[in-house]
């Protein structure tokens, strides 16, 4: 769970445009695990109203949630809503359905991440006051001071990330620019109070809660929308070609293997009844493109084989020429040696001066 939460934190850092995204930051996390509800600009922080001698503190806020966990907790509330419900179109006034929805969002034990990007400098003392505004007096001020003491002064455009674990008590506070482990705190009271400061139903409905009420139920009812907002990982050549071995990068004939695999899968599908509608023209065009690509690749393969044969024949031709030239040079050398070399001496027969 700790590694999963760290992966979530890395993704939020990347999605918010702050810091660096690690390679495979969301490894082990499903494609529809995360959705971002809102990233608003100029939003005033909850519980930090403008007072005498205190400037308004604005920030950009974004909420990330565990889709499957939120669906399990809020299913009974979302299922009661229709297109005209207050849940999807919040209006001022008492709404039991909205109150139940935000109560489930606040108290539900599923992973939630709140990202705050401040528009002005925020010294540590003011950050301490900010957290104190969010929490009631019974929420453990000593633990809170220890948590805030681990954070530096915040500059404009710094992003503070609050990660609420699904166990209902563990909380992590991270400043991505520090590139170090986040500060952690175990306190059920603070875990709940920080969420109530932002997610509790209020009347009139602030823009952040209104946007949650408008978008989150639709995202939970339409998983495809959540998948569209999720991070996507590009397919490797090995996956495309259906290889079980080798590197992830491109290897020779990967395109050929991938196209043949898809054509084989299409042919392996059971034949439909005669009353079934005709295949989509897009599918027919796509299969035609596949066949044309295969024919082109086969032509290239034949050309490569022909070029290889020609290169091999040329190589053997030069070898034969070299052998012939070697024999000729040997013959010439022996002939020259026989013509210009000293004549062999022959022994004399008979008696001298006879």
Protein backbone atom coordinates (compact mmCIF):
# COMPACT_ATOMS: atom_id res chain seq x y z
CA UNK A 1 0.00 0.00 0.00
CA UNK A 2 2.87 2.41 0.78
CA UNK A 3 4.35 1.94 -2.70
CA UNK A 4 0.90 2.38 -4.26
CA UNK A 5 0.37 5.66 -2.40
CA UNK A 6 3.83 6.86 -3.45
CA UNK A 7 2.96 6.05 -7.07
CA UNK A 8 -0.23 8.08 -6.69
CA UNK A 9 1.76 10.97 -5.29
CA UNK A 10 4.20 10.85 -8.20
CA UNK A 11 1.37 10.96 -10.70
CA UNK A 12 -0.28 13.95 -9.02
CA UNK A 13 3.06 15.75 -9.12
CA UNK A 14 3.29 15.10 -12.84
CA UNK A 15 -0.37 15.96 -13.59
CA UNK A 16 -0.11 19.25 -11.73
CA UNK A 17 2.86 20.32 -13.82
CA UNK A 18 5.24 20.45 -10.86
CA UNK A 19 8.46 18.49 -10.48
CA UNK A 20 9.50 15.51 -12.60
CA UNK A 21 7.65 12.36 -13.48
CA UNK A 22 9.55 9.17 -12.72
CA UNK A 23 9.64 6.36 -15.22
CA UNK A 24 6.66 4.02 -14.73
CA UNK A 25 5.34 6.22 -11.93
CA UNK A 26 1.98 4.47 -12.00
CA UNK A 27 3.28 0.91 -12.35
CA UNK A 28 0.88 -1.53 -10.75
CA UNK A 29 -2.01 0.95 -10.82
CA UNK A 30 -4.98 0.23 -13.06
CA UNK A 31 -5.74 2.43 -16.04
CA UNK A 32 -8.93 3.80 -14.43
CA UNK A 33 -7.51 4.21 -10.94
CA UNK A 34 -7.31 7.99 -10.86
CA UNK A 35 -9.53 10.85 -11.95
CA UNK A 36 -8.98 14.55 -11.47
CA UNK A 37 -12.15 16.36 -10.48
CA UNK A 38 -11.07 19.96 -10.73
CA UNK A 39 -8.19 22.33 -11.11
CA UNK A 40 -9.69 25.76 -10.52
CA UNK A 41 -7.94 29.11 -10.45
CA UNK A 42 -8.35 31.87 -7.91
CA UNK A 43 -10.20 29.65 -5.41
CA UNK A 44 -10.11 30.95 -1.84
CA UNK A 45 -8.93 28.35 0.64
CA UNK A 46 -11.65 26.81 2.76
CA UNK A 47 -11.90 28.28 6.27
CA UNK A 48 -9.40 31.06 5.51
CA UNK A 49 -11.76 33.98 4.91
CA UNK A 50 -10.50 37.51 4.44
CA UNK A 51 -10.20 39.30 7.74
CA UNK A 52 -8.86 42.61 8.90
CA UNK A 53 -5.13 42.76 8.38
CA UNK A 54 -5.06 39.46 6.45
CA UNK A 55 -4.85 39.20 2.67
CA UNK A 56 -7.00 36.75 0.80
CA UNK A 57 -5.06 33.55 0.15
CA UNK A 58 -5.98 32.07 -3.24
CA UNK A 59 -4.84 28.79 -4.71
CA UNK A 60 -5.49 26.26 -7.42
CA UNK A 61 -7.06 23.04 -6.19
CA UNK A 62 -7.29 19.58 -7.71
CA UNK A 63 -8.85 16.42 -6.26
CA UNK A 64 -7.78 12.89 -7.17
CA UNK A 65 -9.67 9.83 -5.94
CA UNK A 66 -9.65 6.04 -6.12
CA UNK A 67 -12.46 5.41 -8.63
CA UNK A 68 -13.29 1.86 -7.57
CA UNK A 69 -13.26 2.72 -3.86
CA UNK A 70 -15.40 5.82 -4.36
CA UNK A 71 -17.83 3.83 -6.48
CA UNK A 72 -18.31 1.28 -3.71
CA UNK A 73 -18.89 3.94 -1.04
CA UNK A 74 -21.06 6.34 -3.06
CA UNK A 75 -22.99 3.82 -5.18
CA UNK A 76 -26.14 4.00 -3.01
CA UNK A 77 -26.13 7.82 -3.29
CA UNK A 78 -25.23 8.16 -6.96
CA UNK A 79 -27.82 5.52 -7.88
CA UNK A 80 -30.60 7.73 -6.49
CA UNK A 81 -29.66 10.70 -8.67
CA UNK A 82 -31.07 11.46 -12.08
CA UNK A 83 -30.36 14.14 -14.65
CA UNK A 84 -32.50 16.69 -12.79
CA UNK A 85 -31.28 15.88 -9.29
CA UNK A 86 -29.65 18.46 -7.08
CA UNK A 87 -26.68 16.15 -6.97
CA UNK A 88 -25.73 16.96 -10.54
CA UNK A 89 -27.00 20.55 -10.48
CA UNK A 90 -26.34 21.88 -6.97
CA UNK A 91 -28.44 24.84 -5.90
CA UNK A 92 -28.62 26.77 -2.61
CA UNK A 93 -30.87 25.03 -0.11
CA UNK A 94 -31.02 21.94 2.01
CA UNK A 95 -30.56 18.71 0.07
CA UNK A 96 -30.39 15.38 1.89
CA UNK A 97 -29.00 13.73 -1.21
CA UNK A 98 -26.14 16.20 -1.49
CA UNK A 99 -25.39 16.01 2.23
CA UNK A 100 -25.23 12.22 2.02
CA UNK A 101 -22.99 12.44 -1.03
CA UNK A 102 -20.44 14.78 0.58
CA UNK A 103 -20.58 12.85 3.86
CA UNK A 104 -19.63 9.70 1.94
CA UNK A 105 -16.89 11.56 0.08
CA UNK A 106 -15.45 12.93 3.33
CA UNK A 107 -15.71 9.87 5.56
CA UNK A 108 -15.32 7.18 2.89
CA UNK A 109 -12.25 5.02 3.35
CA UNK A 110 -10.71 5.20 -0.10
CA UNK A 111 -7.57 7.01 -1.28
CA UNK A 112 -7.95 10.73 -1.87
CA UNK A 113 -5.35 13.31 -2.83
CA UNK A 114 -5.89 17.05 -2.55
CA UNK A 115 -3.42 19.25 -4.40
CA UNK A 116 -3.09 22.95 -3.50
CA UNK A 117 -1.00 25.38 -5.54
CA UNK A 118 -0.61 28.71 -3.80
CA UNK A 119 -0.63 32.00 -5.69
CA UNK A 120 1.31 33.96 -3.07
CA UNK A 121 4.23 33.36 -0.72
CA UNK A 122 3.23 31.51 2.44
CA UNK A 123 5.63 31.62 5.42
CA UNK A 124 5.66 28.70 7.79
CA UNK A 125 3.89 30.70 10.51
CA UNK A 126 1.05 31.54 8.16
CA UNK A 127 0.92 27.92 7.02
CA UNK A 128 0.52 26.94 10.67
CA UNK A 129 -2.38 29.39 10.99
CA UNK A 130 -3.89 27.97 7.82
CA UNK A 131 -3.91 24.42 9.17
CA UNK A 132 -5.27 25.69 12.48
CA UNK A 133 -8.18 27.32 10.64
CA UNK A 134 -8.96 23.98 9.03
CA UNK A 135 -8.90 21.94 12.24
CA UNK A 136 -11.03 22.16 15.38
CA UNK A 137 -9.35 22.57 18.74
CA UNK A 138 -9.83 18.88 19.52
CA UNK A 139 -7.88 17.65 16.47
CA UNK A 140 -4.42 17.41 18.03
CA UNK A 141 -2.60 20.75 17.75
CA UNK A 142 0.71 19.26 18.97
CA UNK A 143 0.75 16.66 16.20
CA UNK A 144 -0.19 19.32 13.67
CA UNK A 145 2.67 21.62 14.71
CA UNK A 146 5.10 18.72 14.43
CA UNK A 147 3.81 18.01 10.94
CA UNK A 148 4.03 21.62 9.72
CA UNK A 149 7.49 22.04 11.26
CA UNK A 150 8.83 19.59 8.65
CA UNK A 151 7.79 21.92 5.81
CA UNK A 152 9.73 25.02 4.67
CA UNK A 153 8.31 28.43 3.78
CA UNK A 154 6.22 28.16 0.64
CA UNK A 155 6.79 30.42 -2.34
CA UNK A 156 4.25 31.43 -4.97
CA UNK A 157 3.35 28.57 -7.35
CA UNK A 158 4.53 25.96 -4.84
CA UNK A 159 2.29 22.90 -4.66
CA UNK A 160 1.26 21.24 -1.42
CA UNK A 161 -0.08 17.68 -1.71
CA UNK A 162 -2.31 16.13 0.97
CA UNK A 163 -2.70 12.36 0.61
CA UNK A 164 -5.41 10.64 2.67
CA UNK A 165 -4.82 6.90 3.06
CA UNK A 166 -7.84 4.54 2.88
CA UNK A 167 -7.29 3.30 6.45
CA UNK A 168 -8.97 6.39 7.91
CA UNK A 169 -6.02 7.60 9.99
CA UNK A 170 -2.78 7.99 7.99
CA UNK A 171 -2.05 11.29 6.27
CA UNK A 172 0.91 12.41 4.16
CA UNK A 173 1.89 16.00 3.38
CA UNK A 174 4.34 16.50 0.56
CA UNK A 175 6.06 19.41 -1.16
CA UNK A 176 7.28 17.94 -4.50
CA UNK A 177 9.98 20.55 -5.05
CA UNK A 178 11.90 19.19 -2.05
CA UNK A 179 12.23 15.79 -3.76
CA UNK A 180 12.24 13.93 -0.47
CA UNK A 181 9.92 11.60 1.41
CA UNK A 182 6.63 13.25 2.46
CA UNK A 183 5.86 14.10 6.08
CA UNK A 184 3.56 11.49 7.59
CA UNK A 185 1.05 11.66 10.44
CA UNK A 186 -1.24 9.07 12.01
CA UNK A 187 -4.30 10.77 13.44
CA UNK A 188 -7.95 9.85 12.68
CA UNK A 189 -9.08 13.28 13.93
CA UNK A 190 -6.79 15.25 11.60
CA UNK A 191 -7.50 12.81 8.72
CA UNK A 192 -11.20 13.62 9.00
CA UNK A 193 -10.96 17.32 9.88
CA UNK A 194 -8.81 18.26 6.88
CA UNK A 195 -11.30 16.62 4.55
CA UNK A 196 -14.30 18.25 6.21
CA UNK A 197 -12.68 21.64 5.66
CA UNK A 198 -12.84 21.07 1.89
CA UNK A 199 -15.45 18.39 1.14
CA UNK A 200 -18.26 19.00 3.62
CA UNK A 201 -21.54 20.23 2.16
CA UNK A 202 -21.99 23.97 2.62
CA UNK A 203 -24.83 26.33 1.75
CA UNK A 204 -24.45 28.17 -0.56
CA UNK A 205 -22.35 25.62 -2.40
CA UNK A 206 -18.79 26.93 -3.07
CA UNK A 207 -17.38 26.49 -6.58
CA UNK A 208 -15.10 23.60 -5.59
CA UNK A 209 -17.89 21.54 -4.01
CA UNK A 210 -20.24 22.48 -6.87
CA UNK A 211 -17.78 21.17 -9.43
CA UNK A 212 -17.35 17.94 -7.46
CA UNK A 213 -21.11 17.48 -7.29
CA UNK A 214 -21.46 18.08 -11.02
CA UNK A 215 -18.63 15.91 -12.32
CA UNK A 216 -17.86 13.14 -9.85
CA UNK A 217 -21.23 11.28 -10.09
CA UNK A 218 -20.99 11.26 -13.88
CA UNK A 219 -17.44 9.93 -13.72
CA UNK A 220 -18.50 7.16 -11.34
CA UNK A 221 -21.45 6.22 -13.57
CA UNK A 222 -19.39 6.36 -16.79
CA UNK A 223 -16.08 4.49 -16.26
CA UNK A 224 -14.99 5.30 -19.81
CA UNK A 225 -14.71 8.97 -18.89
CA UNK A 226 -12.42 8.12 -15.99
CA UNK A 227 -10.26 5.97 -18.23
CA UNK A 228 -9.91 8.91 -20.64
CA UNK A 229 -8.53 11.09 -17.80
CA UNK A 230 -6.14 8.38 -16.61
CA UNK A 231 -2.47 8.26 -17.58
CA UNK A 232 -1.78 6.12 -20.62
CA UNK A 233 1.29 4.00 -21.20
CA UNK A 234 2.47 3.49 -24.76
CA UNK A 235 2.59 -0.09 -26.06
CA UNK A 236 5.99 -1.60 -26.69
CA UNK A 237 7.04 -3.26 -29.92
CA UNK A 238 7.22 -6.59 -28.09
CA UNK A 239 3.56 -6.31 -27.07
CA UNK A 240 2.52 -5.26 -30.57
CA UNK A 241 4.34 -8.18 -32.18
CA UNK A 242 3.18 -10.69 -29.58
CA UNK A 243 6.74 -11.66 -28.64
CA UNK A 244 7.46 -13.29 -25.28
CA UNK A 245 11.23 -12.82 -25.45
CA UNK A 246 13.66 -10.14 -26.49
CA UNK A 247 13.83 -6.43 -25.83
CA UNK A 248 10.88 -4.02 -25.70
CA UNK A 249 12.27 -2.02 -28.60
CA UNK A 250 11.81 -2.71 -32.28
CA UNK A 251 13.21 -5.90 -33.78
CA UNK A 252 13.24 -7.10 -37.36
CA UNK A 253 9.81 -8.16 -38.70
CA UNK A 254 7.89 -6.85 -35.61
CA UNK A 255 5.43 -5.08 -37.90
CA UNK A 256 4.94 -8.27 -39.89
CA UNK A 257 4.37 -10.32 -36.72
CA UNK A 258 1.91 -7.81 -35.28
CA UNK A 259 -0.18 -7.61 -38.43
CA UNK A 260 -0.25 -11.39 -38.83
CA UNK A 261 -1.26 -11.78 -35.18
CA UNK A 262 -4.19 -9.42 -35.59
CA UNK A 263 -5.30 -11.01 -38.83
CA UNK A 264 -5.12 -14.42 -37.17
CA UNK A 265 -7.21 -13.20 -34.27
CA UNK A 266 -9.83 -11.85 -36.64
CA UNK A 267 -9.98 -15.13 -38.57
CA UNK A 268 -10.20 -17.14 -35.36
CA UNK A 269 -13.39 -15.37 -34.29
CA UNK A 270 -16.50 -17.52 -34.76
CA UNK A 271 -18.50 -16.81 -37.84
CA UNK A 272 -21.60 -14.76 -37.20
CA UNK A 273 -25.07 -15.78 -38.28
CA UNK A 274 -26.17 -14.88 -41.76
CA UNK A 275 -28.62 -12.38 -40.34
CA UNK A 276 -25.83 -10.45 -38.70
CA UNK A 277 -25.13 -7.02 -40.15
CA UNK A 278 -22.39 -6.60 -42.72
CA UNK A 279 -18.95 -5.77 -41.36
CA UNK A 280 -18.19 -2.16 -40.80
CA UNK A 281 -16.57 -0.45 -43.75
CA UNK A 282 -13.81 0.83 -41.46
CA UNK A 283 -12.92 -2.75 -40.53
CA UNK A 284 -12.84 -3.76 -44.19
CA UNK A 285 -10.61 -0.81 -45.03
CA UNK A 286 -8.34 -1.62 -42.09
CA UNK A 287 -7.99 -5.26 -43.18
CA UNK A 288 -7.22 -4.10 -46.72
CA UNK A 289 -4.49 -1.84 -45.35
CA UNK A 290 -3.09 -4.77 -43.36
CA UNK A 291 -3.01 -6.99 -46.47
CA UNK A 292 -1.35 -4.28 -48.50
CA UNK A 293 1.24 -3.76 -45.77
CA UNK A 294 1.94 -7.51 -45.62
CA UNK A 295 2.34 -7.65 -49.41
CA UNK A 296 4.72 -4.69 -49.24
CA UNK A 297 6.75 -6.32 -46.46
CA UNK A 298 6.93 -9.59 -48.38
CA UNK A 299 8.16 -7.71 -51.45
CA UNK A 300 10.84 -6.03 -49.36
CA UNK A 301 11.82 -9.41 -47.89
CA UNK A 302 12.18 -10.93 -51.36
CA UNK A 303 14.30 -7.96 -52.46
CA UNK A 304 16.52 -8.44 -49.41
CA UNK A 305 16.94 -12.14 -50.20
CA UNK A 306 17.78 -11.32 -53.84
CA UNK A 307 20.29 -8.68 -52.80
CA UNK A 308 21.86 -11.13 -50.35
CA UNK A 309 22.18 -13.79 -53.06
CA UNK A 310 23.77 -11.32 -55.42
CA UNK A 311 26.24 -10.20 -52.79
CA UNK A 312 27.14 -13.83 -52.04
CA UNK A 313 27.64 -14.66 -55.72
CA UNK A 314 29.86 -11.62 -56.18
CA UNK A 315 31.88 -12.63 -53.18
CA UNK A 316 32.48 -16.17 -54.56
CA UNK A 317 33.28 -14.72 -57.96
CA UNK A 318 36.10 -12.64 -56.50
CA UNK A 319 37.35 -15.68 -54.58
CA UNK A 320 37.52 -17.69 -57.80
CA UNK A 321 39.27 -14.84 -59.61
CA UNK A 322 41.79 -14.63 -56.79
CA UNK A 323 42.50 -18.35 -56.94
CA UNK A 324 43.01 -18.24 -60.74
CA UNK A 325 45.29 -15.24 -60.46
CA UNK A 326 47.29 -17.00 -57.77
CA UNK A 327 47.84 -20.05 -59.96
CA UNK A 328 48.89 -17.86 -62.90
CA UNK A 329 51.39 -15.94 -60.77
CA UNK A 330 52.88 -19.21 -59.54
CA UNK A 331 53.32 -20.46 -63.10
CA UNK A 332 54.91 -17.19 -64.24
CA UNK A 333 57.30 -17.24 -61.29
CA UNK A 334 58.38 -20.84 -62.00
CA UNK A 335 58.84 -20.10 -65.71
CA UNK A 336 61.01 -17.06 -64.96
CA UNK A 337 63.03 -19.01 -62.50
CA UNK A 338 63.66 -21.76 -65.08
CA UNK A 339 64.63 -19.31 -67.86
CA UNK A 340 67.02 -16.99 -66.01
CA UNK A 341 68.32 -19.23 -63.30
CA UNK A 342 71.88 -20.89 -63.47
CA UNK A 343 72.15 -24.03 -65.54
CA UNK A 344 72.59 -27.19 -63.54
CA UNK A 345 76.16 -28.61 -63.60
CA UNK A 346 76.60 -32.09 -65.16
CA UNK A 347 79.40 -34.52 -64.11
CA UNK A 348 82.25 -35.09 -66.71
CA UNK A 349 82.80 -38.57 -68.02
CA UNK A 350 86.13 -39.90 -69.36
CA UNK A 351 89.78 -39.18 -68.67
CA UNK A 352 91.36 -35.76 -68.82
CA UNK A 353 94.11 -35.30 -71.48
CA UNK A 354 93.80 -38.75 -72.81
